[in-house]
Amino acid sequence: EVQLVESGGDLVQPGGSLRLSCAASGFTFSSFAMSWVRQAPRKGLEVVSTINTGDETSYLDSVTGRFTISRDNAKNTLYLQMNNLKPEDTAVYYCSTWSGDLWGQGTQVTVSS
């Protein structure tokens, strides 16, 4: 079955850290650029970060220097390391192929004291 399954979301205090994971199956993960996309309450979708097949990365301005995207092709897994979290990072985080053809179910990140 072709799928993406996210994990790692949690409630964390401002300034804290989380690492999200996205396990891919059913397709050749290493051949696809991947993205992390988030949706905050009452807001639209926002691309947080993207990594291509050559490990080149890009980030939303508001997370640059705090978030790091990476991939382990041997484990078919995409990661998002999030440091110095802020309340405005609260959202459901999805992993997807860069083209948007395949999405996971999402994982909730809540940053609150």
PDB file of N, CA and C in Angstrom:
ATOM      1  N   GLU A   1       0.835  -1.196   0.000  1.00  0.00           N
ATOM      2  CA  GLU A   1       0.000   0.000   0.000  1.00  0.00           C
ATOM      3  C   GLU A   1       0.871   1.247   0.000  1.00  0.00           C
ATOM      4  N   VAL A   2       0.552   2.186  -0.856  1.00  0.00           N
ATOM      5  CA  VAL A   2       1.265   3.450  -0.931  1.00  0.00           C
ATOM      6  C   VAL A   2       0.770   4.357   0.191  1.00  0.00           C
ATOM      7  N   GLN A   3       1.642   4.741   1.101  1.00  0.00           N
ATOM      8  CA  GLN A   3       1.199   5.601   2.187  1.00  0.00           C
ATOM      9  C   GLN A   3       2.351   6.340   2.852  1.00  0.00           C
ATOM     10  N   LEU A   4       1.968   7.421   3.533  1.00  0.00           N
ATOM     11  CA  LEU A   4       2.854   8.202   4.386  1.00  0.00           C
ATOM     12  C   LEU A   4       2.212   8.256   5.764  1.00  0.00           C
ATOM     13  N   VAL A   5       2.998   7.972   6.802  1.00  0.00           N
ATOM     14  CA  VAL A   5       2.469   7.958   8.161  1.00  0.00           C
ATOM     15  C   VAL A   5       3.361   8.827   9.045  1.00  0.00           C
ATOM     16  N   GLU A   6       2.784   9.931   9.524  1.00  0.00           N
ATOM     17  CA  GLU A   6       3.525  10.842  10.391  1.00  0.00           C
ATOM     18  C   GLU A   6       3.412  10.432  11.861  1.00  0.00           C
ATOM     19  N   SER A   7       4.412  10.824  12.627  1.00  0.00           N
ATOM     20  CA  SER A   7       4.385  10.622  14.076  1.00  0.00           C
ATOM     21  C   SER A   7       5.272  11.678  14.736  1.00  0.00           C
ATOM     22  N   GLY A   8       5.130  11.809  16.051  1.00  0.00           N
ATOM     23  CA  GLY A   8       6.012  12.692  16.807  1.00  0.00           C
ATOM     24  C   GLY A   8       5.380  13.971  17.294  1.00  0.00           C
ATOM     25  N   GLY A   9       4.167  14.257  16.878  1.00  0.00           N
ATOM     26  CA  GLY A   9       3.508  15.459  17.360  1.00  0.00           C
ATOM     27  C   GLY A   9       3.182  15.356  18.836  1.00  0.00           C
ATOM     28  N   ASP A  10       3.119  16.519  19.498  1.00  0.00           N
ATOM     29  CA  ASP A  10       2.887  16.505  20.953  1.00  0.00           C
ATOM     30  C   ASP A  10       2.576  17.922  21.417  1.00  0.00           C
ATOM     31  N   LEU A  11       2.256  18.036  22.695  1.00  0.00           N
ATOM     32  CA  LEU A  11       2.130  19.329  23.365  1.00  0.00           C
ATOM     33  C   LEU A  11       3.497  19.671  23.958  1.00  0.00           C
ATOM     34  N   VAL A  12       4.005  20.849  23.652  1.00  0.00           N
ATOM     35  CA  VAL A  12       5.330  21.250  24.120  1.00  0.00           C
ATOM     36  C   VAL A  12       5.289  22.718  24.535  1.00  0.00           C
ATOM     37  N   GLN A  13       6.116  23.077  25.490  1.00  0.00           N
ATOM     38  CA  GLN A  13       6.177  24.462  25.945  1.00  0.00           C
ATOM     39  C   GLN A  13       6.975  25.314  24.958  1.00  0.00           C
ATOM     40  N   PRO A  14       6.699  26.609  24.912  1.00  0.00           N
ATOM     41  CA  PRO A  14       7.513  27.498  24.076  1.00  0.00           C
ATOM     42  C   PRO A  14       9.000  27.351  24.390  1.00  0.00           C
ATOM     43  N   GLY A  15       9.802  27.324  23.333  1.00  0.00           N
ATOM     44  CA  GLY A  15      11.234  27.099  23.495  1.00  0.00           C
ATOM     45  C   GLY A  15      11.636  25.640  23.435  1.00  0.00           C
ATOM     46  N   GLY A  16      10.667  24.755  23.437  1.00  0.00           N
ATOM     47  CA  GLY A  16      10.952  23.333  23.415  1.00  0.00           C
ATOM     48  C   GLY A  16      11.252  22.811  22.021  1.00  0.00           C
ATOM     49  N   SER A  17      11.485  21.504  21.949  1.00  0.00           N
ATOM     50  CA  SER A  17      11.842  20.849  20.691  1.00  0.00           C
ATOM     51  C   SER A  17      10.996  19.605  20.463  1.00  0.00           C
ATOM     52  N   LEU A  18      10.816  19.287  19.197  1.00  0.00           N
ATOM     53  CA  LEU A  18      10.159  18.044  18.786  1.00  0.00           C
ATOM     54  C   LEU A  18      10.824  17.561  17.511  1.00  0.00           C
ATOM     55  N   ARG A  19      10.769  16.253  17.293  1.00  0.00           N
ATOM     56  CA  ARG A  19      11.185  15.709  16.010  1.00  0.00           C
ATOM     57  C   ARG A  19      10.017  14.921  15.425  1.00  0.00           C
ATOM     58  N   LEU A  20       9.573  15.354  14.263  1.00  0.00           N
ATOM     59  CA  LEU A  20       8.532  14.642  13.542  1.00  0.00           C
ATOM     60  C   LEU A  20       9.169  13.633  12.595  1.00  0.00           C
ATOM     61  N   SER A  21       8.485  12.505  12.419  1.00  0.00           N
ATOM     62  CA  SER A  21       8.918  11.486  11.482  1.00  0.00           C
ATOM     63  C   SER A  21       7.780  11.185  10.515  1.00  0.00           C
ATOM     64  N   CYS A  22       8.153  10.755   9.326  1.00  0.00           N
ATOM     65  CA  CYS A  22       7.166  10.363   8.312  1.00  0.00           C
ATOM     66  C   CYS A  22       7.684   9.095   7.644  1.00  0.00           C
ATOM     67  N   ALA A  23       7.001   7.989   7.901  1.00  0.00           N
ATOM     68  CA  ALA A  23       7.399   6.706   7.327  1.00  0.00           C
ATOM     69  C   ALA A  23       6.687   6.505   5.997  1.00  0.00           C
ATOM     70  N   ALA A  24       7.469   6.258   4.961  1.00  0.00           N
ATOM     71  CA  ALA A  24       6.933   6.069   3.612  1.00  0.00           C
ATOM     72  C   ALA A  24       6.950   4.586   3.255  1.00  0.00           C
ATOM     73  N   SER A  25       5.941   4.165   2.513  1.00  0.00           N
ATOM     74  CA  SER A  25       5.905   2.780   2.052  1.00  0.00           C
ATOM     75  C   SER A  25       5.144   2.686   0.740  1.00  0.00           C
ATOM     76  N   GLY A  26       5.458   1.651  -0.023  1.00  0.00           N
ATOM     77  CA  GLY A  26       4.728   1.378  -1.262  1.00  0.00           C
ATOM     78  C   GLY A  26       5.220   2.105  -2.490  1.00  0.00           C
ATOM     79  N   PHE A  27       6.275   2.907  -2.347  1.00  0.00           N
ATOM     80  CA  PHE A  27       6.843   3.597  -3.500  1.00  0.00           C
ATOM     81  C   PHE A  27       8.331   3.826  -3.257  1.00  0.00           C
ATOM     82  N   THR A  28       9.044   4.236  -4.305  1.00  0.00           N
ATOM     83  CA  THR A  28      10.489   4.439  -4.211  1.00  0.00           C
ATOM     84  C   THR A  28      10.771   5.806  -3.598  1.00  0.00           C
ATOM     85  N   PHE A  29      10.822   5.819  -2.283  1.00  0.00           N
ATOM     86  CA  PHE A  29      10.945   7.063  -1.510  1.00  0.00           C
ATOM     87  C   PHE A  29      12.125   7.909  -1.979  1.00  0.00           C
ATOM     88  N   SER A  30      13.247   7.278  -2.248  1.00  0.00           N
ATOM     89  CA  SER A  30      14.465   8.018  -2.591  1.00  0.00           C
ATOM     90  C   SER A  30      14.338   8.802  -3.889  1.00  0.00           C
ATOM     91  N   SER A  31      13.348   8.488  -4.705  1.00  0.00           N
ATOM     92  CA  SER A  31      13.179   9.137  -6.005  1.00  0.00           C
ATOM     93  C   SER A  31      12.294  10.374  -5.957  1.00  0.00           C
ATOM     94  N   PHE A  32      11.797  10.713  -4.778  1.00  0.00           N
ATOM     95  CA  PHE A  32      10.824  11.786  -4.662  1.00  0.00           C
ATOM     96  C   PHE A  32      11.317  12.910  -3.746  1.00  0.00           C
ATOM     97  N   ALA A  33      11.140  14.161  -4.226  1.00  0.00           N
ATOM     98  CA  ALA A  33      11.266  15.300  -3.334  1.00  0.00           C
ATOM     99  C   ALA A  33      10.095  15.277  -2.361  1.00  0.00           C
ATOM    100  N   MET A  34      10.362  15.664  -1.119  1.00  0.00           N
ATOM    101  CA  MET A  34       9.351  15.577  -0.069  1.00  0.00           C
ATOM    102  C   MET A  34       9.206  16.913   0.651  1.00  0.00           C
ATOM    103  N   SER A  35       8.034  17.123   1.219  1.00  0.00           N
ATOM    104  CA  SER A  35       7.751  18.368   1.928  1.00  0.00           C
ATOM    105  C   SER A  35       7.067  18.112   3.259  1.00  0.00           C
ATOM    106  N   TRP A  36       7.255  19.036   4.164  1.00  0.00           N
ATOM    107  CA  TRP A  36       6.427  19.153   5.356  1.00  0.00           C
ATOM    108  C   TRP A  36       5.522  20.372   5.153  1.00  0.00           C
ATOM    109  N   VAL A  37       4.240  20.173   5.391  1.00  0.00           N
ATOM    110  CA  VAL A  37       3.230  21.205   5.201  1.00  0.00           C
ATOM    111  C   VAL A  37       2.418  21.288   6.494  1.00  0.00           C
ATOM    112  N   ARG A  38       2.042  22.473   6.902  1.00  0.00           N
ATOM    113  CA  ARG A  38       1.256  22.591   8.132  1.00  0.00           C
ATOM    114  C   ARG A  38      -0.008  23.396   7.895  1.00  0.00           C
ATOM    115  N   GLN A  39      -0.979  23.168   8.773  1.00  0.00           N
ATOM    116  CA  GLN A  39      -2.211  23.948   8.751  1.00  0.00           C
ATOM    117  C   GLN A  39      -2.549  24.339  10.171  1.00  0.00           C
ATOM    118  N   ALA A  40      -2.452  25.618  10.454  1.00  0.00           N
ATOM    119  CA  ALA A  40      -2.810  26.156  11.757  1.00  0.00           C
ATOM    120  C   ALA A  40      -4.325  26.324  11.833  1.00  0.00           C
ATOM    121  N   PRO A  41      -4.857  26.415  13.050  1.00  0.00           N
ATOM    122  CA  PRO A  41      -6.303  26.583  13.199  1.00  0.00           C
ATOM    123  C   PRO A  41      -6.825  27.790  12.411  1.00  0.00           C
ATOM    124  N   ARG A  42      -7.839  27.570  11.640  1.00  0.00           N
ATOM    125  CA  ARG A  42      -8.518  28.627  10.883  1.00  0.00           C
ATOM    126  C   ARG A  42      -7.605  29.288   9.837  1.00  0.00           C
ATOM    127  N   LYS A  43      -6.572  28.569   9.418  1.00  0.00           N
ATOM    128  CA  LYS A  43      -5.672  29.093   8.390  1.00  0.00           C
ATOM    129  C   LYS A  43      -5.482  28.079   7.269  1.00  0.00           C
ATOM    130  N   GLY A  44      -4.917  28.507   6.177  1.00  0.00           N
ATOM    131  CA  GLY A  44      -4.681  27.632   5.046  1.00  0.00           C
ATOM    132  C   GLY A  44      -3.407  26.818   5.181  1.00  0.00           C
ATOM    133  N   LEU A  45      -3.161  25.980   4.194  1.00  0.00           N
ATOM    134  CA  LEU A  45      -1.962  25.160   4.171  1.00  0.00           C
ATOM    135  C   LEU A  45      -0.724  26.019   3.916  1.00  0.00           C
ATOM    136  N   GLU A  46       0.383  25.642   4.566  1.00  0.00           N
ATOM    137  CA  GLU A  46       1.630  26.403   4.462  1.00  0.00           C
ATOM    138  C   GLU A  46       2.785  25.412   4.320  1.00  0.00           C
ATOM    139  N   VAL A  47       3.579  25.530   3.254  1.00  0.00           N
ATOM    140  CA  VAL A  47       4.730  24.648   3.084  1.00  0.00           C
ATOM    141  C   VAL A  47       5.834  25.100   4.032  1.00  0.00           C
ATOM    142  N   VAL A  48       6.201  24.228   4.927  1.00  0.00           N
ATOM    143  CA  VAL A  48       7.205  24.548   5.943  1.00  0.00           C
ATOM    144  C   VAL A  48       8.611  24.319   5.415  1.00  0.00           C
ATOM    145  N   SER A  49       8.810  23.197   4.750  1.00  0.00           N
ATOM    146  CA  SER A  49      10.146  22.850   4.294  1.00  0.00           C
ATOM    147  C   SER A  49      10.062  21.786   3.209  1.00  0.00           C
ATOM    148  N   THR A  50      11.056  21.785   2.344  1.00  0.00           N
ATOM    149  CA  THR A  50      11.136  20.807   1.268  1.00  0.00           C
ATOM    150  C   THR A  50      12.563  20.291   1.158  1.00  0.00           C
ATOM    151  N   ILE A  51      12.699  19.019   0.813  1.00  0.00           N
ATOM    152  CA  ILE A  51      14.013  18.421   0.552  1.00  0.00           C
ATOM    153  C   ILE A  51      13.920  17.643  -0.754  1.00  0.00           C
ATOM    154  N   ASN A  52      14.881  17.861  -1.639  1.00  0.00           N
ATOM    155  CA  ASN A  52      14.821  17.150  -2.912  1.00  0.00           C
ATOM    156  C   ASN A  52      15.652  15.866  -2.862  1.00  0.00           C
ATOM    157  N   THR A  53      15.755  15.207  -3.993  1.00  0.00           N
ATOM    158  CA  THR A  53      16.442  13.914  -4.012  1.00  0.00           C
ATOM    159  C   THR A  53      17.951  14.054  -3.827  1.00  0.00           C
ATOM    160  N   GLY A  54      18.456  15.264  -4.003  1.00  0.00           N
ATOM    161  CA  GLY A  54      19.869  15.529  -3.771  1.00  0.00           C
ATOM    162  C   GLY A  54      20.152  16.125  -2.410  1.00  0.00           C
ATOM    163  N   ASP A  55      19.141  16.097  -1.526  1.00  0.00           N
ATOM    164  CA  ASP A  55      19.246  16.619  -0.159  1.00  0.00           C
ATOM    165  C   ASP A  55      19.369  18.141  -0.102  1.00  0.00           C
ATOM    166  N   GLU A  56      19.001  18.819  -1.165  1.00  0.00           N
ATOM    167  CA  GLU A  56      18.903  20.284  -1.099  1.00  0.00           C
ATOM    168  C   GLU A  56      17.614  20.640  -0.365  1.00  0.00           C
ATOM    169  N   THR A  57      17.686  21.645   0.480  1.00  0.00           N
ATOM    170  CA  THR A  57      16.554  21.973   1.337  1.00  0.00           C
ATOM    171  C   THR A  57      16.118  23.417   1.170  1.00  0.00           C
ATOM    172  N   SER A  58      14.872  23.674   1.515  1.00  0.00           N
ATOM    173  CA  SER A  58      14.361  25.035   1.560  1.00  0.00           C
ATOM    174  C   SER A  58      13.391  25.136   2.732  1.00  0.00           C
ATOM    175  N   TYR A  59      13.248  26.373   3.246  1.00  0.00           N
ATOM    176  CA  TYR A  59      12.437  26.586   4.449  1.00  0.00           C
ATOM    177  C   TYR A  59      11.579  27.833   4.336  1.00  0.00           C
ATOM    178  N   LEU A  60      10.441  27.787   4.996  1.00  0.00           N
ATOM    179  CA  LEU A  60       9.617  28.963   5.222  1.00  0.00           C
ATOM    180  C   LEU A  60      10.464  29.953   6.041  1.00  0.00           C
ATOM    181  N   ASP A  61      10.364  31.224   5.720  1.00  0.00           N
ATOM    182  CA  ASP A  61      11.193  32.222   6.414  1.00  0.00           C
ATOM    183  C   ASP A  61      11.038  32.150   7.935  1.00  0.00           C
ATOM    184  N   SER A  62       9.827  31.955   8.390  1.00  0.00           N
ATOM    185  CA  SER A  62       9.563  32.013   9.832  1.00  0.00           C
ATOM    186  C   SER A  62      10.145  30.833  10.604  1.00  0.00           C
ATOM    187  N   VAL A  63      10.581  29.777   9.921  1.00  0.00           N
ATOM    188  CA  VAL A  63      11.161  28.621  10.619  1.00  0.00           C
ATOM    189  C   VAL A  63      12.653  28.467  10.329  1.00  0.00           C
ATOM    190  N   THR A  64      13.177  29.270   9.424  1.00  0.00           N
ATOM    191  CA  THR A  64      14.605  29.180   9.086  1.00  0.00           C
ATOM    192  C   THR A  64      15.460  29.395  10.326  1.00  0.00           C
ATOM    193  N   GLY A  65      16.412  28.481  10.521  1.00  0.00           N
ATOM    194  CA  GLY A  65      17.285  28.555  11.686  1.00  0.00           C
ATOM    195  C   GLY A  65      16.746  27.812  12.895  1.00  0.00           C
ATOM    196  N   ARG A  66      15.475  27.419  12.842  1.00  0.00           N
ATOM    197  CA  ARG A  66      14.875  26.675  13.961  1.00  0.00           C
ATOM    198  C   ARG A  66      14.506  25.255  13.578  1.00  0.00           C
ATOM    199  N   PHE A  67      14.101  25.048  12.331  1.00  0.00           N
ATOM    200  CA  PHE A  67      13.676  23.735  11.855  1.00  0.00           C
ATOM    201  C   PHE A  67      14.723  23.174  10.894  1.00  0.00           C
ATOM    202  N   THR A  68      14.848  21.836  10.909  1.00  0.00           N
ATOM    203  CA  THR A  68      15.746  21.159   9.978  1.00  0.00           C
ATOM    204  C   THR A  68      15.051  19.936   9.390  1.00  0.00           C
ATOM    205  N   ILE A  69      14.977  19.906   8.077  1.00  0.00           N
ATOM    206  CA  ILE A  69      14.399  18.758   7.389  1.00  0.00           C
ATOM    207  C   ILE A  69      15.531  17.815   6.991  1.00  0.00           C
ATOM    208  N   SER A  70      15.259  16.507   7.043  1.00  0.00           N
ATOM    209  CA  SER A  70      16.245  15.527   6.617  1.00  0.00           C
ATOM    210  C   SER A  70      15.511  14.271   6.171  1.00  0.00           C
ATOM    211  N   ARG A  71      16.250  13.397   5.532  1.00  0.00           N
ATOM    212  CA  ARG A  71      15.666  12.146   5.070  1.00  0.00           C
ATOM    213  C   ARG A  71      16.677  11.025   5.231  1.00  0.00           C
ATOM    214  N   ASP A  72      16.155   9.822   5.489  1.00  0.00           N
ATOM    215  CA  ASP A  72      16.971   8.618   5.543  1.00  0.00           C
ATOM    216  C   ASP A  72      16.386   7.653   4.519  1.00  0.00           C
ATOM    217  N   ASN A  73      16.980   7.605   3.359  1.00  0.00           N
ATOM    218  CA  ASN A  73      16.435   6.781   2.284  1.00  0.00           C
ATOM    219  C   ASN A  73      16.525   5.289   2.598  1.00  0.00           C
ATOM    220  N   ALA A  74      17.497   4.896   3.412  1.00  0.00           N
ATOM    221  CA  ALA A  74      17.601   3.487   3.797  1.00  0.00           C
ATOM    222  C   ALA A  74      16.426   3.066   4.675  1.00  0.00           C
ATOM    223  N   LYS A  75      15.881   4.015   5.417  1.00  0.00           N
ATOM    224  CA  LYS A  75      14.743   3.733   6.312  1.00  0.00           C
ATOM    225  C   LYS A  75      13.418   4.235   5.735  1.00  0.00           C
ATOM    226  N   ASN A  76      13.478   4.809   4.522  1.00  0.00           N
ATOM    227  CA  ASN A  76      12.258   5.356   3.888  1.00  0.00           C
ATOM    228  C   ASN A  76      11.534   6.314   4.827  1.00  0.00           C
ATOM    229  N   THR A  77      12.290   7.199   5.463  1.00  0.00           N
ATOM    230  CA  THR A  77      11.730   8.083   6.474  1.00  0.00           C
ATOM    231  C   THR A  77      12.183   9.521   6.262  1.00  0.00           C
ATOM    232  N   LEU A  78      11.224  10.417   6.427  1.00  0.00           N
ATOM    233  CA  LEU A  78      11.447  11.863   6.369  1.00  0.00           C
ATOM    234  C   LEU A  78      11.348  12.401   7.791  1.00  0.00           C
ATOM    235  N   TYR A  79      12.190  13.376   8.117  1.00  0.00           N
ATOM    236  CA  TYR A  79      12.192  13.952   9.464  1.00  0.00           C
ATOM    237  C   TYR A  79      12.040  15.468   9.416  1.00  0.00           C
ATOM    238  N   LEU A  80      11.539  16.017  10.523  1.00  0.00           N
ATOM    239  CA  LEU A  80      11.560  17.466  10.729  1.00  0.00           C
ATOM    240  C   LEU A  80      11.942  17.711  12.178  1.00  0.00           C
ATOM    241  N   GLN A  81      13.159  18.191  12.385  1.00  0.00           N
ATOM    242  CA  GLN A  81      13.606  18.577  13.721  1.00  0.00           C
ATOM    243  C   GLN A  81      13.192  20.016  13.966  1.00  0.00           C
ATOM    244  N   MET A  82      12.431  20.245  15.005  1.00  0.00           N
ATOM    245  CA  MET A  82      11.899  21.563  15.314  1.00  0.00           C
ATOM    246  C   MET A  82      12.427  22.017  16.674  1.00  0.00           C
ATOM    247  N   ASN A  83      13.186  23.088  16.672  1.00  0.00           N
ATOM    248  CA  ASN A  83      13.758  23.639  17.905  1.00  0.00           C
ATOM    249  C   ASN A  83      13.195  25.026  18.171  1.00  0.00           C
ATOM    250  N   ASN A  84      13.326  25.478  19.415  1.00  0.00           N
ATOM    251  CA  ASN A  84      12.854  26.807  19.805  1.00  0.00           C
ATOM    252  C   ASN A  84      11.428  27.050  19.300  1.00  0.00           C
ATOM    253  N   LEU A  85      10.565  26.126  19.613  1.00  0.00           N
ATOM    254  CA  LEU A  85       9.186  26.203  19.126  1.00  0.00           C
ATOM    255  C   LEU A  85       8.457  27.397  19.719  1.00  0.00           C
ATOM    256  N   LYS A  86       7.569  27.978  18.921  1.00  0.00           N
ATOM    257  CA  LYS A  86       6.789  29.144  19.304  1.00  0.00           C
ATOM    258  C   LYS A  86       5.306  28.815  19.213  1.00  0.00           C
ATOM    259  N   PRO A  87       4.466  29.540  19.954  1.00  0.00           N
ATOM    260  CA  PRO A  87       3.023  29.269  19.875  1.00  0.00           C
ATOM    261  C   PRO A  87       2.483  29.324  18.452  1.00  0.00           C
ATOM    262  N   GLU A  88       3.056  30.178  17.611  1.00  0.00           N
ATOM    263  CA  GLU A  88       2.572  30.283  16.234  1.00  0.00           C
ATOM    264  C   GLU A  88       2.963  29.081  15.369  1.00  0.00           C
ATOM    265  N   ASP A  89       3.745  28.154  15.914  1.00  0.00           N
ATOM    266  CA  ASP A  89       4.045  26.903  15.209  1.00  0.00           C
ATOM    267  C   ASP A  89       2.952  25.857  15.425  1.00  0.00           C
ATOM    268  N   THR A  90       1.996  26.160  16.288  1.00  0.00           N
ATOM    269  CA  THR A  90       0.895  25.238  16.537  1.00  0.00           C
ATOM    270  C   THR A  90       0.129  24.963  15.254  1.00  0.00           C
ATOM    271  N   ALA A  91       0.018  23.692  14.898  1.00  0.00           N
ATOM    272  CA  ALA A  91      -0.638  23.314  13.646  1.00  0.00           C
ATOM    273  C   ALA A  91      -0.679  21.795  13.541  1.00  0.00           C
ATOM    274  N   VAL A  92      -1.440  21.326  12.579  1.00  0.00           N
ATOM    275  CA  VAL A  92      -1.326  19.937  12.145  1.00  0.00           C
ATOM    276  C   VAL A  92      -0.250  19.911  11.068  1.00  0.00           C
ATOM    277  N   TYR A  93       0.720  19.032  11.243  1.00  0.00           N
ATOM    278  CA  TYR A  93       1.837  18.913  10.310  1.00  0.00           C
ATOM    279  C   TYR A  93       1.652  17.663   9.456  1.00  0.00           C
ATOM    280  N   TYR A  94       1.759  17.866   8.155  1.00  0.00           N
ATOM    281  CA  TYR A  94       1.619  16.782   7.195  1.00  0.00           C
ATOM    282  C   TYR A  94       2.933  16.599   6.435  1.00  0.00           C
ATOM    283  N   CYS A  95       3.261  15.370   6.101  1.00  0.00           N
ATOM    284  CA  CYS A  95       4.312  15.166   5.108  1.00  0.00           C
ATOM    285  C   CYS A  95       3.620  14.828   3.793  1.00  0.00           C
ATOM    286  N   SER A  96       4.261  15.212   2.719  1.00  0.00           N
ATOM    287  CA  SER A  96       3.708  14.966   1.390  1.00  0.00           C
ATOM    288  C   SER A  96       4.835  14.855   0.379  1.00  0.00           C
ATOM    289  N   THR A  97       4.527  14.240  -0.753  1.00  0.00           N
ATOM    290  CA  THR A  97       5.450  14.360  -1.869  1.00  0.00           C
ATOM    291  C   THR A  97       5.427  15.823  -2.314  1.00  0.00           C
ATOM    292  N   TRP A  98       6.527  16.302  -2.882  1.00  0.00           N
ATOM    293  CA  TRP A  98       6.597  17.706  -3.278  1.00  0.00           C
ATOM    294  C   TRP A  98       5.492  18.056  -4.268  1.00  0.00           C
ATOM    295  N   SER A  99       5.121  17.101  -5.100  1.00  0.00           N
ATOM    296  CA  SER A  99       4.068  17.336  -6.100  1.00  0.00           C
ATOM    297  C   SER A  99       2.686  17.416  -5.475  1.00  0.00           C
ATOM    298  N   GLY A 100       2.572  16.947  -4.228  1.00  0.00           N
ATOM    299  CA  GLY A 100       1.266  16.979  -3.571  1.00  0.00           C
ATOM    300  C   GLY A 100       0.369  15.805  -3.925  1.00  0.00           C
ATOM    301  N   ASP A 101       0.934  14.802  -4.607  1.00  0.00           N
ATOM    302  CA  ASP A 101       0.112  13.659  -5.014  1.00  0.00           C
ATOM    303  C   ASP A 101      -0.211  12.729  -3.855  1.00  0.00           C
ATOM    304  N   LEU A 102       0.648  12.719  -2.840  1.00  0.00           N
ATOM    305  CA  LEU A 102       0.476  11.791  -1.723  1.00  0.00           C
ATOM    306  C   LEU A 102       0.678  12.532  -0.419  1.00  0.00           C
ATOM    307  N   TRP A 103      -0.244  12.325   0.537  1.00  0.00           N
ATOM    308  CA  TRP A 103      -0.219  12.992   1.826  1.00  0.00           C
ATOM    309  C   TRP A 103      -0.374  11.985   2.946  1.00  0.00           C
ATOM    310  N   GLY A 104       0.206  12.319   4.092  1.00  0.00           N
ATOM    311  CA  GLY A 104      -0.065  11.548   5.287  1.00  0.00           C
ATOM    312  C   GLY A 104      -1.323  12.049   5.971  1.00  0.00           C
ATOM    313  N   GLN A 105      -1.613  11.463   7.137  1.00  0.00           N
ATOM    314  CA  GLN A 105      -2.828  11.809   7.863  1.00  0.00           C
ATOM    315  C   GLN A 105      -2.626  13.017   8.780  1.00  0.00           C
ATOM    316  N   GLY A 106      -1.377  13.382   9.016  1.00  0.00           N
ATOM    317  CA  GLY A 106      -1.075  14.544   9.846  1.00  0.00           C
ATOM    318  C   GLY A 106      -0.796  14.182  11.295  1.00  0.00           C
ATOM    319  N   THR A 107      -0.026  15.048  11.961  1.00  0.00           N
ATOM    320  CA  THR A 107       0.268  14.894  13.380  1.00  0.00           C
ATOM    321  C   THR A 107       0.171  16.278  14.031  1.00  0.00           C
ATOM    322  N   GLN A 108      -0.469  16.342  15.189  1.00  0.00           N
ATOM    323  CA  GLN A 108      -0.746  17.622  15.846  1.00  0.00           C
ATOM    324  C   GLN A 108       0.454  18.074  16.668  1.00  0.00           C
ATOM    325  N   VAL A 109       0.862  19.304  16.440  1.00  0.00           N
ATOM    326  CA  VAL A 109       1.879  19.968  17.257  1.00  0.00           C
ATOM    327  C   VAL A 109       1.217  21.154  17.940  1.00  0.00           C
ATOM    328  N   THR A 110       1.278  21.174  19.259  1.00  0.00           N
ATOM    329  CA  THR A 110       0.717  22.280  20.034  1.00  0.00           C
ATOM    330  C   THR A 110       1.807  22.868  20.914  1.00  0.00           C
ATOM    331  N   VAL A 111       2.025  24.169  20.759  1.00  0.00           N
ATOM    332  CA  VAL A 111       3.054  24.867  21.543  1.00  0.00           C
ATOM    333  C   VAL A 111       2.334  25.833  22.473  1.00  0.00           C
ATOM    334  N   SER A 112       2.381  25.508  23.758  1.00  0.00           N
ATOM    335  CA  SER A 112       1.636  26.301  24.730  1.00  0.00           C
ATOM    336  C   SER A 112       2.229  26.102  26.111  1.00  0.00           C
ATOM    337  N   SER A 113       2.150  27.155  26.921  1.00  0.00           N
ATOM    338  CA  SER A 113       2.598  27.038  28.300  1.00  0.00           C
ATOM    339  C   SER A 113       1.438  26.686  29.207  1.00  0.00           C
TER     340      SER A 113
END
